[in-house]
């Protein structure tokens, strides 16, 4: 039913959620959604990873990394925090 890519993405996505929680200093009540999307816009990489942070008391925060999920490293996530400072 699931191919190896889905299993790899699932494991890496769990790890990425831990990275996001750590580098952003998030509490357990923040929902972290990570999605890989195909981009068909001009000058856009073929795949991008979108990270969304959802809380009941604040607007959704969304970040994009122009790589496939399996290519995202801890440093990419840490760079998101530095870019918002």
N, C-alpha and C. Protein backbone atom coordinates (compact mmCIF):
# COMPACT_ATOMS: atom_id res chain seq x y z
N UNK A 1 0.82 -1.19 0.00
CA UNK A 1 0.00 0.00 0.00
C UNK A 1 0.87 1.26 0.00
N UNK A 2 1.90 1.32 0.86
CA UNK A 2 2.80 2.47 0.89
C UNK A 2 4.12 2.07 0.26
N UNK A 3 4.69 2.96 -0.53
CA UNK A 3 5.98 2.67 -1.13
C UNK A 3 7.10 3.14 -0.19
N UNK A 4 8.34 2.83 -0.53
CA UNK A 4 9.47 3.22 0.31
C UNK A 4 9.57 4.72 0.50
N UNK A 5 9.23 5.50 -0.55
CA UNK A 5 9.30 6.96 -0.45
C UNK A 5 8.35 7.47 0.64
N UNK A 6 7.14 6.92 0.70
CA UNK A 6 6.18 7.32 1.73
C UNK A 6 6.70 7.00 3.12
N UNK A 7 7.32 5.83 3.28
CA UNK A 7 7.85 5.46 4.58
C UNK A 7 9.03 6.35 4.96
N UNK A 8 9.90 6.66 3.98
CA UNK A 8 11.02 7.56 4.25
C UNK A 8 10.51 8.93 4.64
N UNK A 9 9.53 9.46 3.90
CA UNK A 9 8.97 10.77 4.21
C UNK A 9 8.35 10.79 5.60
N UNK A 10 7.65 9.73 5.96
CA UNK A 10 6.98 9.67 7.26
C UNK A 10 7.99 9.74 8.40
N UNK A 11 9.04 8.96 8.31
CA UNK A 11 10.07 8.98 9.35
C UNK A 11 10.80 10.31 9.41
N UNK A 12 11.12 10.84 8.27
CA UNK A 12 11.84 12.13 8.23
C UNK A 12 10.93 13.27 8.68
N UNK A 13 9.66 13.17 8.36
CA UNK A 13 8.70 14.20 8.79
C UNK A 13 8.61 14.23 10.32
N UNK A 14 8.57 13.07 10.95
CA UNK A 14 8.54 13.03 12.43
C UNK A 14 9.79 13.70 13.00
N UNK A 15 10.93 13.39 12.41
CA UNK A 15 12.18 14.00 12.88
C UNK A 15 12.16 15.51 12.66
N UNK A 16 11.67 15.94 11.52
CA UNK A 16 11.58 17.37 11.23
C UNK A 16 10.69 18.09 12.24
N UNK A 17 9.58 17.47 12.63
CA UNK A 17 8.68 18.09 13.61
C UNK A 17 9.41 18.32 14.93
N UNK A 18 10.27 17.39 15.30
CA UNK A 18 11.07 17.57 16.52
C UNK A 18 12.03 18.75 16.36
N UNK A 19 12.65 18.85 15.18
CA UNK A 19 13.55 19.97 14.92
C UNK A 19 12.81 21.30 15.02
N UNK A 20 11.64 21.36 14.38
CA UNK A 20 10.84 22.60 14.36
C UNK A 20 10.46 22.98 15.79
N UNK A 21 9.99 22.00 16.57
CA UNK A 21 9.61 22.30 17.95
C UNK A 21 10.80 22.83 18.73
N UNK A 22 11.96 22.23 18.51
CA UNK A 22 13.16 22.64 19.24
C UNK A 22 13.64 24.03 18.82
N UNK A 23 13.82 24.27 17.52
CA UNK A 23 14.42 25.54 17.09
C UNK A 23 13.48 26.73 17.29
N UNK A 24 12.18 26.49 17.21
CA UNK A 24 11.23 27.58 17.43
C UNK A 24 10.84 27.69 18.91
N UNK A 25 11.23 26.73 19.73
CA UNK A 25 10.88 26.75 21.15
C UNK A 25 9.39 26.63 21.37
N UNK A 26 8.75 25.72 20.66
CA UNK A 26 7.29 25.59 20.69
C UNK A 26 6.82 24.72 21.84
N UNK A 27 5.65 25.06 22.38
CA UNK A 27 5.03 24.23 23.40
C UNK A 27 4.28 23.09 22.72
N UNK A 28 3.83 22.14 23.52
CA UNK A 28 3.15 20.97 22.97
C UNK A 28 1.77 21.27 22.40
N UNK A 29 1.22 22.47 22.69
CA UNK A 29 -0.11 22.79 22.16
C UNK A 29 -0.06 23.38 20.74
N UNK A 30 1.13 23.50 20.17
CA UNK A 30 1.28 23.99 18.80
C UNK A 30 1.26 22.78 17.86
N UNK A 31 0.40 22.83 16.87
CA UNK A 31 0.35 21.78 15.86
C UNK A 31 1.32 22.13 14.74
N UNK A 32 2.15 21.16 14.38
CA UNK A 32 3.13 21.35 13.32
C UNK A 32 2.71 20.49 12.14
N UNK A 33 2.47 21.12 11.01
CA UNK A 33 2.12 20.40 9.79
C UNK A 33 3.26 20.56 8.79
N UNK A 34 3.68 19.45 8.21
CA UNK A 34 4.74 19.47 7.21
C UNK A 34 4.24 18.77 5.96
N UNK A 35 4.32 19.47 4.84
CA UNK A 35 3.79 18.96 3.59
C UNK A 35 4.79 19.18 2.47
N UNK A 36 4.88 18.22 1.57
CA UNK A 36 5.71 18.38 0.38
C UNK A 36 4.77 18.68 -0.79
N UNK A 37 5.06 19.76 -1.49
CA UNK A 37 4.20 20.18 -2.60
C UNK A 37 5.00 20.28 -3.89
N UNK A 38 4.33 19.99 -4.99
CA UNK A 38 4.91 20.24 -6.30
C UNK A 38 4.62 21.68 -6.66
N UNK A 39 5.59 22.32 -7.27
CA UNK A 39 5.43 23.71 -7.66
C UNK A 39 5.46 23.81 -9.18
N UNK A 40 4.45 24.42 -9.75
CA UNK A 40 4.38 24.55 -11.20
C UNK A 40 4.56 26.00 -11.67
N UNK A 41 4.88 26.89 -10.73
CA UNK A 41 5.09 28.29 -11.08
C UNK A 41 6.46 28.47 -11.74
N UNK A 42 6.60 29.47 -12.59
CA UNK A 42 7.91 29.72 -13.21
C UNK A 42 8.98 30.01 -12.15
N UNK A 43 10.20 29.55 -12.40
CA UNK A 43 11.35 29.76 -11.52
C UNK A 43 11.19 29.16 -10.13
N UNK A 44 10.31 28.21 -9.99
CA UNK A 44 10.08 27.55 -8.71
C UNK A 44 10.69 26.15 -8.78
N UNK A 45 11.33 25.68 -7.71
CA UNK A 45 11.87 24.32 -7.73
C UNK A 45 10.73 23.31 -7.86
N UNK A 46 11.01 22.13 -8.40
CA UNK A 46 9.93 21.16 -8.62
C UNK A 46 9.21 20.72 -7.35
N UNK A 47 9.93 20.65 -6.23
CA UNK A 47 9.31 20.27 -4.96
C UNK A 47 9.71 21.27 -3.89
N UNK A 48 8.78 21.53 -2.97
CA UNK A 48 9.10 22.37 -1.83
C UNK A 48 8.43 21.79 -0.60
N UNK A 49 9.04 22.03 0.54
CA UNK A 49 8.50 21.57 1.81
C UNK A 49 7.90 22.77 2.52
N UNK A 50 6.64 22.63 2.94
CA UNK A 50 5.93 23.71 3.62
C UNK A 50 5.72 23.29 5.07
N UNK A 51 6.11 24.17 5.98
CA UNK A 51 5.94 23.94 7.41
C UNK A 51 4.93 24.97 7.91
N UNK A 52 3.86 24.48 8.53
CA UNK A 52 2.84 25.37 9.08
C UNK A 52 2.74 25.15 10.59
N UNK A 53 2.68 26.24 11.34
CA UNK A 53 2.54 26.20 12.79
C UNK A 53 1.16 26.73 13.14
N UNK A 54 0.36 25.91 13.80
CA UNK A 54 -1.02 26.27 14.12
C UNK A 54 -1.25 26.29 15.62
N UNK A 55 -1.83 27.39 16.08
CA UNK A 55 -2.25 27.51 17.47
C UNK A 55 -3.65 28.12 17.50
N UNK A 56 -4.35 27.90 18.58
CA UNK A 56 -5.70 28.44 18.70
C UNK A 56 -5.69 29.96 18.89
N UNK A 57 -4.59 30.49 19.42
CA UNK A 57 -4.58 31.90 19.80
C UNK A 57 -3.79 32.81 18.87
N UNK A 58 -3.34 32.30 17.73
CA UNK A 58 -2.53 33.13 16.83
C UNK A 58 -2.77 32.71 15.38
N UNK A 59 -2.49 33.61 14.45
CA UNK A 59 -2.62 33.24 13.04
C UNK A 59 -1.62 32.14 12.66
N UNK A 60 -1.92 31.42 11.62
CA UNK A 60 -1.04 30.37 11.13
C UNK A 60 0.27 31.00 10.65
N UNK A 61 1.37 30.40 11.06
CA UNK A 61 2.68 30.81 10.54
C UNK A 61 3.12 29.74 9.54
N UNK A 62 3.59 30.18 8.38
CA UNK A 62 3.95 29.24 7.33
C UNK A 62 5.35 29.55 6.80
N UNK A 63 6.12 28.51 6.58
CA UNK A 63 7.49 28.63 6.09
C UNK A 63 7.70 27.65 4.94
N UNK A 64 8.53 28.03 3.98
CA UNK A 64 8.81 27.16 2.83
C UNK A 64 10.31 26.91 2.73
N UNK A 65 10.64 25.67 2.43
CA UNK A 65 12.01 25.28 2.14
C UNK A 65 11.98 24.68 0.74
N UNK A 66 12.78 25.19 -0.15
CA UNK A 66 12.74 24.77 -1.54
C UNK A 66 13.55 23.50 -1.77
N UNK A 67 13.10 22.44 -1.09
CA UNK A 67 13.70 21.11 -1.20
C UNK A 67 12.60 20.09 -0.93
N UNK A 68 12.83 18.86 -1.38
CA UNK A 68 11.95 17.75 -1.02
C UNK A 68 12.12 17.46 0.47
N UNK A 69 11.11 16.88 1.10
CA UNK A 69 11.16 16.57 2.53
C UNK A 69 12.42 15.79 2.88
N UNK A 70 12.74 14.76 2.11
CA UNK A 70 13.88 13.91 2.44
C UNK A 70 15.22 14.63 2.30
N UNK A 71 15.25 15.79 1.66
CA UNK A 71 16.48 16.55 1.49
C UNK A 71 16.66 17.64 2.56
N UNK A 72 15.62 17.90 3.34
CA UNK A 72 15.68 18.95 4.36
C UNK A 72 16.53 18.47 5.52
N UNK A 73 17.46 19.31 5.95
CA UNK A 73 18.36 19.03 7.07
C UNK A 73 18.03 19.96 8.24
N UNK A 74 18.55 19.61 9.40
CA UNK A 74 18.35 20.43 10.59
C UNK A 74 18.73 21.89 10.33
N UNK A 75 19.82 22.09 9.62
CA UNK A 75 20.30 23.45 9.35
C UNK A 75 19.28 24.25 8.55
N UNK A 76 18.54 23.60 7.66
CA UNK A 76 17.50 24.29 6.89
C UNK A 76 16.40 24.81 7.81
N UNK A 77 16.02 23.99 8.77
CA UNK A 77 14.98 24.40 9.73
C UNK A 77 15.51 25.51 10.62
N UNK A 78 16.74 25.37 11.10
CA UNK A 78 17.33 26.41 11.96
C UNK A 78 17.43 27.73 11.22
N UNK A 79 17.69 27.69 9.92
CA UNK A 79 17.78 28.91 9.10
C UNK A 79 16.45 29.66 9.07
N UNK A 80 15.33 28.94 9.16
CA UNK A 80 14.01 29.59 9.18
C UNK A 80 13.89 30.54 10.36
N UNK A 81 14.39 30.14 11.51
CA UNK A 81 14.32 30.98 12.70
C UNK A 81 15.20 32.21 12.52
N UNK A 82 16.40 32.01 12.01
CA UNK A 82 17.31 33.14 11.80
C UNK A 82 16.71 34.13 10.79
N UNK A 83 16.00 33.63 9.80
CA UNK A 83 15.42 34.49 8.77
C UNK A 83 14.26 35.33 9.31
N UNK A 84 13.63 34.87 10.40
CA UNK A 84 12.49 35.62 10.95
C UNK A 84 12.90 36.57 12.06
N UNK A 85 14.15 36.52 12.47
CA UNK A 85 14.61 37.41 13.55
C UNK A 85 14.88 38.80 13.05
